[in-house]
Amino acid sequence: MGVEKVDWDLCNGCGICVEDCPTDVLRMNDQSLAFIAYPRDCAVCFQCATNCPVAAVRVNSLAARELILPY
């Protein structure tokens, strides 16, 4: 799994991570906070974490390394 967590204490509900996710992993809940809806679909592109203005999204960097160096 790439995207590990959305910290709801930090999330401001802007939805940038949801809009920027190319594989539709993140969604907004009833409280307008981002959550991980489809973790297995994560492409580990880091767009959600990079573009989050409050650093509420955490992506597993080891998952990215496994995609790049599978051996």
PDB file of N, CA and C in Angstrom:
ATOM      1  N   MET A   1       0.846  -1.182   0.000  1.00  0.00           N
ATOM      2  CA  MET A   1       0.000   0.000   0.000  1.00  0.00           C
ATOM      3  C   MET A   1       0.882   1.232   0.000  1.00  0.00           C
ATOM      4  N   GLY A   2       0.534   2.192  -0.803  1.00  0.00           N
ATOM      5  CA  GLY A   2       1.299   3.424  -0.886  1.00  0.00           C
ATOM      6  C   GLY A   2       0.819   4.482   0.083  1.00  0.00           C
ATOM      7  N   VAL A   3      -0.381   4.997  -0.139  1.00  0.00           N
ATOM      8  CA  VAL A   3      -0.896   6.024   0.768  1.00  0.00           C
ATOM      9  C   VAL A   3      -1.282   5.331   2.073  1.00  0.00           C
ATOM     10  N   GLU A   4      -0.713   5.815   3.172  1.00  0.00           N
ATOM     11  CA  GLU A   4      -0.885   5.162   4.471  1.00  0.00           C
ATOM     12  C   GLU A   4      -1.926   5.816   5.353  1.00  0.00           C
ATOM     13  N   LYS A   5      -1.978   7.152   5.328  1.00  0.00           N
ATOM     14  CA  LYS A   5      -2.804   7.828   6.308  1.00  0.00           C
ATOM     15  C   LYS A   5      -3.161   9.228   5.844  1.00  0.00           C
ATOM     16  N   VAL A   6      -4.367   9.639   6.231  1.00  0.00           N
ATOM     17  CA  VAL A   6      -4.763  11.034   6.137  1.00  0.00           C
ATOM     18  C   VAL A   6      -5.007  11.473   7.576  1.00  0.00           C
ATOM     19  N   ASP A   7      -4.216  12.402   8.054  1.00  0.00           N
ATOM     20  CA  ASP A   7      -4.326  12.881   9.431  1.00  0.00           C
ATOM     21  C   ASP A   7      -5.484  13.870   9.530  1.00  0.00           C
ATOM     22  N   TRP A   8      -6.566  13.430  10.127  1.00  0.00           N
ATOM     23  CA  TRP A   8      -7.759  14.267  10.221  1.00  0.00           C
ATOM     24  C   TRP A   8      -7.576  15.444  11.166  1.00  0.00           C
ATOM     25  N   ASP A   9      -6.570  15.403  12.000  1.00  0.00           N
ATOM     26  CA  ASP A   9      -6.265  16.565  12.853  1.00  0.00           C
ATOM     27  C   ASP A   9      -5.656  17.694  12.020  1.00  0.00           C
ATOM     28  N   LEU A  10      -5.035  17.332  10.907  1.00  0.00           N
ATOM     29  CA  LEU A  10      -4.413  18.326  10.026  1.00  0.00           C
ATOM     30  C   LEU A  10      -5.262  18.672   8.811  1.00  0.00           C
ATOM     31  N   CYS A  11      -6.034  17.716   8.322  1.00  0.00           N
ATOM     32  CA  CYS A  11      -6.811  17.902   7.101  1.00  0.00           C
ATOM     33  C   CYS A  11      -7.764  19.088   7.245  1.00  0.00           C
ATOM     34  N   ASN A  12      -7.725  19.973   6.238  1.00  0.00           N
ATOM     35  CA  ASN A  12      -8.616  21.140   6.260  1.00  0.00           C
ATOM     36  C   ASN A  12      -9.797  20.986   5.302  1.00  0.00           C
ATOM     37  N   GLY A  13      -9.912  19.831   4.655  1.00  0.00           N
ATOM     38  CA  GLY A  13     -11.045  19.556   3.789  1.00  0.00           C
ATOM     39  C   GLY A  13     -11.008  20.239   2.443  1.00  0.00           C
ATOM     40  N   CYS A  14      -9.840  20.661   2.002  1.00  0.00           N
ATOM     41  CA  CYS A  14      -9.747  21.388   0.730  1.00  0.00           C
ATOM     42  C   CYS A  14     -10.033  20.503  -0.484  1.00  0.00           C
ATOM     43  N   GLY A  15      -9.766  19.194  -0.380  1.00  0.00           N
ATOM     44  CA  GLY A  15     -10.034  18.265  -1.465  1.00  0.00           C
ATOM     45  C   GLY A  15      -8.978  18.205  -2.547  1.00  0.00           C
ATOM     46  N   ILE A  16      -7.877  18.899  -2.375  1.00  0.00           N
ATOM     47  CA  ILE A  16      -6.820  18.889  -3.386  1.00  0.00           C
ATOM     48  C   ILE A  16      -6.287  17.474  -3.615  1.00  0.00           C
ATOM     49  N   CYS A  17      -6.101  16.725  -2.548  1.00  0.00           N
ATOM     50  CA  CYS A  17      -5.577  15.362  -2.678  1.00  0.00           C
ATOM     51  C   CYS A  17      -6.525  14.481  -3.477  1.00  0.00           C
ATOM     52  N   VAL A  18      -7.820  14.662  -3.276  1.00  0.00           N
ATOM     53  CA  VAL A  18      -8.825  13.884  -4.003  1.00  0.00           C
ATOM     54  C   VAL A  18      -8.799  14.249  -5.487  1.00  0.00           C
ATOM     55  N   GLU A  19      -8.726  15.520  -5.776  1.00  0.00           N
ATOM     56  CA  GLU A  19      -8.698  15.985  -7.171  1.00  0.00           C
ATOM     57  C   GLU A  19      -7.426  15.555  -7.889  1.00  0.00           C
ATOM     58  N   ASP A  20      -6.302  15.537  -7.178  1.00  0.00           N
ATOM     59  CA  ASP A  20      -5.010  15.256  -7.799  1.00  0.00           C
ATOM     60  C   ASP A  20      -4.691  13.772  -7.945  1.00  0.00           C
ATOM     61  N   CYS A  21      -5.417  12.911  -7.270  1.00  0.00           N
ATOM     62  CA  CYS A  21      -5.106  11.476  -7.303  1.00  0.00           C
ATOM     63  C   CYS A  21      -5.487  10.881  -8.653  1.00  0.00           C
ATOM     64  N   PRO A  22      -4.504  10.400  -9.429  1.00  0.00           N
ATOM     65  CA  PRO A  22      -4.808   9.865 -10.761  1.00  0.00           C
ATOM     66  C   PRO A  22      -5.520   8.518 -10.740  1.00  0.00           C
ATOM     67  N   THR A  23      -5.489   7.817  -9.605  1.00  0.00           N
ATOM     68  CA  THR A  23      -6.120   6.499  -9.534  1.00  0.00           C
ATOM     69  C   THR A  23      -7.347   6.487  -8.624  1.00  0.00           C
ATOM     70  N   ASP A  24      -7.818   7.652  -8.224  1.00  0.00           N
ATOM     71  CA  ASP A  24      -9.065   7.784  -7.466  1.00  0.00           C
ATOM     72  C   ASP A  24      -9.042   7.027  -6.136  1.00  0.00           C
ATOM     73  N   VAL A  25      -7.916   7.069  -5.439  1.00  0.00           N
ATOM     74  CA  VAL A  25      -7.760   6.363  -4.164  1.00  0.00           C
ATOM     75  C   VAL A  25      -8.453   7.105  -3.022  1.00  0.00           C
ATOM     76  N   LEU A  26      -8.393   8.418  -3.046  1.00  0.00           N
ATOM     77  CA  LEU A  26      -8.913   9.223  -1.944  1.00  0.00           C
ATOM     78  C   LEU A  26     -10.300   9.766  -2.254  1.00  0.00           C
ATOM     79  N   ARG A  27     -11.088   9.889  -1.229  1.00  0.00           N
ATOM     80  CA  ARG A  27     -12.440  10.465  -1.326  1.00  0.00           C
ATOM     81  C   ARG A  27     -12.656  11.392  -0.134  1.00  0.00           C
ATOM     82  N   MET A  28     -13.754  12.128  -0.167  1.00  0.00           N
ATOM     83  CA  MET A  28     -14.125  13.002   0.951  1.00  0.00           C
ATOM     84  C   MET A  28     -15.263  12.342   1.721  1.00  0.00           C
ATOM     85  N   ASN A  29     -15.206  12.424   3.065  1.00  0.00           N
ATOM     86  CA  ASN A  29     -16.272  11.840   3.873  1.00  0.00           C
ATOM     87  C   ASN A  29     -17.353  12.884   4.171  1.00  0.00           C
ATOM     88  N   ASP A  30     -18.315  12.520   4.995  1.00  0.00           N
ATOM     89  CA  ASP A  30     -19.435  13.410   5.320  1.00  0.00           C
ATOM     90  C   ASP A  30     -19.012  14.661   6.078  1.00  0.00           C
ATOM     91  N   GLN A  31     -17.849  14.602   6.717  1.00  0.00           N
ATOM     92  CA  GLN A  31     -17.323  15.756   7.456  1.00  0.00           C
ATOM     93  C   GLN A  31     -16.373  16.587   6.593  1.00  0.00           C
ATOM     94  N   SER A  32     -16.362  16.333   5.310  1.00  0.00           N
ATOM     95  CA  SER A  32     -15.482  17.009   4.355  1.00  0.00           C
ATOM     96  C   SER A  32     -14.006  16.806   4.672  1.00  0.00           C
ATOM     97  N   LEU A  33     -13.666  15.604   5.096  1.00  0.00           N
ATOM     98  CA  LEU A  33     -12.276  15.235   5.339  1.00  0.00           C
ATOM     99  C   LEU A  33     -11.902  14.119   4.366  1.00  0.00           C
ATOM    100  N   ALA A  34     -10.684  14.156   3.880  1.00  0.00           N
ATOM    101  CA  ALA A  34     -10.219  13.132   2.946  1.00  0.00           C
ATOM    102  C   ALA A  34     -10.025  11.812   3.680  1.00  0.00           C
ATOM    103  N   PHE A  35     -10.309  10.721   2.981  1.00  0.00           N
ATOM    104  CA  PHE A  35     -10.035   9.393   3.534  1.00  0.00           C
ATOM    105  C   PHE A  35      -9.584   8.469   2.408  1.00  0.00           C
ATOM    106  N   ILE A  36      -8.942   7.371   2.777  1.00  0.00           N
ATOM    107  CA  ILE A  36      -8.412   6.410   1.818  1.00  0.00           C
ATOM    108  C   ILE A  36      -9.523   5.416   1.488  1.00  0.00           C
ATOM    109  N   ALA A  37     -10.071   5.510   0.291  1.00  0.00           N
ATOM    110  CA  ALA A  37     -11.178   4.648  -0.104  1.00  0.00           C
ATOM    111  C   ALA A  37     -10.699   3.360  -0.778  1.00  0.00           C
ATOM    112  N   TYR A  38      -9.657   3.462  -1.598  1.00  0.00           N
ATOM    113  CA  TYR A  38      -9.178   2.313  -2.369  1.00  0.00           C
ATOM    114  C   TYR A  38      -7.651   2.206  -2.265  1.00  0.00           C
ATOM    115  N   PRO A  39      -7.142   1.789  -1.117  1.00  0.00           N
ATOM    116  CA  PRO A  39      -5.687   1.793  -0.895  1.00  0.00           C
ATOM    117  C   PRO A  39      -4.895   0.930  -1.876  1.00  0.00           C
ATOM    118  N   ARG A  40      -5.463  -0.149  -2.342  1.00  0.00           N
ATOM    119  CA  ARG A  40      -4.733  -1.042  -3.264  1.00  0.00           C
ATOM    120  C   ARG A  40      -4.540  -0.438  -4.644  1.00  0.00           C
ATOM    121  N   ASP A  41      -5.300   0.593  -4.959  1.00  0.00           N
ATOM    122  CA  ASP A  41      -5.181   1.235  -6.261  1.00  0.00           C
ATOM    123  C   ASP A  41      -4.098   2.313  -6.305  1.00  0.00           C
ATOM    124  N   CYS A  42      -3.471   2.599  -5.178  1.00  0.00           N
ATOM    125  CA  CYS A  42      -2.477   3.676  -5.100  1.00  0.00           C
ATOM    126  C   CYS A  42      -1.291   3.380  -6.016  1.00  0.00           C
ATOM    127  N   ALA A  43      -0.944   4.374  -6.841  1.00  0.00           N
ATOM    128  CA  ALA A  43       0.187   4.255  -7.767  1.00  0.00           C
ATOM    129  C   ALA A  43       1.477   4.792  -7.151  1.00  0.00           C
ATOM    130  N   VAL A  44       1.437   5.219  -5.915  1.00  0.00           N
ATOM    131  CA  VAL A  44       2.582   5.757  -5.185  1.00  0.00           C
ATOM    132  C   VAL A  44       3.242   6.893  -5.976  1.00  0.00           C
ATOM    133  N   CYS A  45       2.425   7.797  -6.460  1.00  0.00           N
ATOM    134  CA  CYS A  45       2.933   8.923  -7.249  1.00  0.00           C
ATOM    135  C   CYS A  45       3.253  10.141  -6.376  1.00  0.00           C
ATOM    136  N   PHE A  46       2.808  10.117  -5.137  1.00  0.00           N
ATOM    137  CA  PHE A  46       3.058  11.178  -4.152  1.00  0.00           C
ATOM    138  C   PHE A  46       2.343  12.495  -4.456  1.00  0.00           C
ATOM    139  N   GLN A  47       1.469  12.529  -5.452  1.00  0.00           N
ATOM    140  CA  GLN A  47       0.776  13.783  -5.762  1.00  0.00           C
ATOM    141  C   GLN A  47      -0.077  14.250  -4.586  1.00  0.00           C
ATOM    142  N   CYS A  48      -0.749  13.322  -3.920  1.00  0.00           N
ATOM    143  CA  CYS A  48      -1.606  13.701  -2.789  1.00  0.00           C
ATOM    144  C   CYS A  48      -0.788  14.325  -1.663  1.00  0.00           C
ATOM    145  N   ALA A  49       0.312  13.699  -1.319  1.00  0.00           N
ATOM    146  CA  ALA A  49       1.151  14.200  -0.235  1.00  0.00           C
ATOM    147  C   ALA A  49       1.880  15.483  -0.618  1.00  0.00           C
ATOM    148  N   THR A  50       2.359  15.535  -1.841  1.00  0.00           N
ATOM    149  CA  THR A  50       3.104  16.704  -2.302  1.00  0.00           C
ATOM    150  C   THR A  50       2.230  17.942  -2.390  1.00  0.00           C
ATOM    151  N   ASN A  51       1.003  17.769  -2.838  1.00  0.00           N
ATOM    152  CA  ASN A  51       0.128  18.916  -3.063  1.00  0.00           C
ATOM    153  C   ASN A  51      -0.751  19.286  -1.875  1.00  0.00           C
ATOM    154  N   CYS A  52      -0.719  18.499  -0.822  1.00  0.00           N
ATOM    155  CA  CYS A  52      -1.517  18.818   0.365  1.00  0.00           C
ATOM    156  C   CYS A  52      -0.922  20.048   1.057  1.00  0.00           C
ATOM    157  N   PRO A  53      -1.692  21.125   1.185  1.00  0.00           N
ATOM    158  CA  PRO A  53      -1.149  22.361   1.761  1.00  0.00           C
ATOM    159  C   PRO A  53      -0.879  22.285   3.264  1.00  0.00           C
ATOM    160  N   VAL A  54      -1.404  21.253   3.920  1.00  0.00           N
ATOM    161  CA  VAL A  54      -1.210  21.140   5.370  1.00  0.00           C
ATOM    162  C   VAL A  54      -0.482  19.858   5.764  1.00  0.00           C
ATOM    163  N   ALA A  55       0.084  19.137   4.798  1.00  0.00           N
ATOM    164  CA  ALA A  55       0.850  17.909   5.028  1.00  0.00           C
ATOM    165  C   ALA A  55       0.064  16.867   5.813  1.00  0.00           C
ATOM    166  N   ALA A  56      -1.202  16.688   5.440  1.00  0.00           N
ATOM    167  CA  ALA A  56      -2.059  15.739   6.152  1.00  0.00           C
ATOM    168  C   ALA A  56      -1.990  14.325   5.585  1.00  0.00           C
ATOM    169  N   VAL A  57      -1.415  14.171   4.395  1.00  0.00           N
ATOM    170  CA  VAL A  57      -1.378  12.863   3.732  1.00  0.00           C
ATOM    171  C   VAL A  57       0.024  12.276   3.838  1.00  0.00           C
ATOM    172  N   ARG A  58       0.064  11.003   4.245  1.00  0.00           N
ATOM    173  CA  ARG A  58       1.356  10.317   4.349  1.00  0.00           C
ATOM    174  C   ARG A  58       1.364   9.132   3.386  1.00  0.00           C
ATOM    175  N   VAL A  59       2.427   9.055   2.588  1.00  0.00           N
ATOM    176  CA  VAL A  59       2.614   7.972   1.629  1.00  0.00           C
ATOM    177  C   VAL A  59       3.824   7.160   2.065  1.00  0.00           C
ATOM    178  N   ASN A  60       3.725   5.852   1.965  1.00  0.00           N
ATOM    179  CA  ASN A  60       4.799   4.950   2.344  1.00  0.00           C
ATOM    180  C   ASN A  60       5.893   4.996   1.286  1.00  0.00           C
ATOM    181  N   SER A  61       7.033   5.544   1.634  1.00  0.00           N
ATOM    182  CA  SER A  61       8.129   5.659   0.671  1.00  0.00           C
ATOM    183  C   SER A  61       8.742   4.302   0.342  1.00  0.00           C
ATOM    184  N   LEU A  62       8.611   3.323   1.215  1.00  0.00           N
ATOM    185  CA  LEU A  62       9.114   1.982   0.907  1.00  0.00           C
ATOM    186  C   LEU A  62       8.308   1.354  -0.222  1.00  0.00           C
ATOM    187  N   ALA A  63       7.029   1.651  -0.287  1.00  0.00           N
ATOM    188  CA  ALA A  63       6.203   1.140  -1.382  1.00  0.00           C
ATOM    189  C   ALA A  63       6.690   1.705  -2.710  1.00  0.00           C
ATOM    190  N   ALA A  64       7.088   2.963  -2.720  1.00  0.00           N
ATOM    191  CA  ALA A  64       7.618   3.572  -3.938  1.00  0.00           C
ATOM    192  C   ALA A  64       8.916   2.907  -4.339  1.00  0.00           C
ATOM    193  N   ARG A  65       9.752   2.627  -3.392  1.00  0.00           N
ATOM    194  CA  ARG A  65      11.028   1.979  -3.684  1.00  0.00           C
ATOM    195  C   ARG A  65      10.802   0.595  -4.293  1.00  0.00           C
ATOM    196  N   GLU A  66       9.796  -0.131  -3.785  1.00  0.00           N
ATOM    197  CA  GLU A  66       9.507  -1.463  -4.319  1.00  0.00           C
ATOM    198  C   GLU A  66       9.021  -1.390  -5.763  1.00  0.00           C
ATOM    199  N   LEU A  67       8.309  -0.320  -6.123  1.00  0.00           N
ATOM    200  CA  LEU A  67       7.861  -0.171  -7.493  1.00  0.00           C
ATOM    201  C   LEU A  67       9.025   0.123  -8.423  1.00  0.00           C
ATOM    202  N   ILE A  68       9.996   0.885  -7.920  1.00  0.00           N
ATOM    203  CA  ILE A  68      11.131   1.274  -8.731  1.00  0.00           C
ATOM    204  C   ILE A  68      12.166   0.140  -8.814  1.00  0.00           C
ATOM    205  N   LEU A  69      12.436  -0.490  -7.667  1.00  0.00           N
ATOM    206  CA  LEU A  69      13.426  -1.552  -7.582  1.00  0.00           C
ATOM    207  C   LEU A  69      12.752  -2.831  -7.087  1.00  0.00           C
ATOM    208  N   PRO A  70      12.106  -3.577  -7.945  1.00  0.00           N
ATOM    209  CA  PRO A  70      11.343  -4.733  -7.505  1.00  0.00           C
ATOM    210  C   PRO A  70      12.185  -5.944  -7.086  1.00  0.00           C
ATOM    211  N   TYR A  71      13.464  -5.860  -7.146  1.00  0.00           N
ATOM    212  CA  TYR A  71      14.301  -6.992  -6.758  1.00  0.00           C
ATOM    213  C   TYR A  71      15.126  -6.679  -5.552  1.00  0.00           C
TER     214      TYR A  71
END
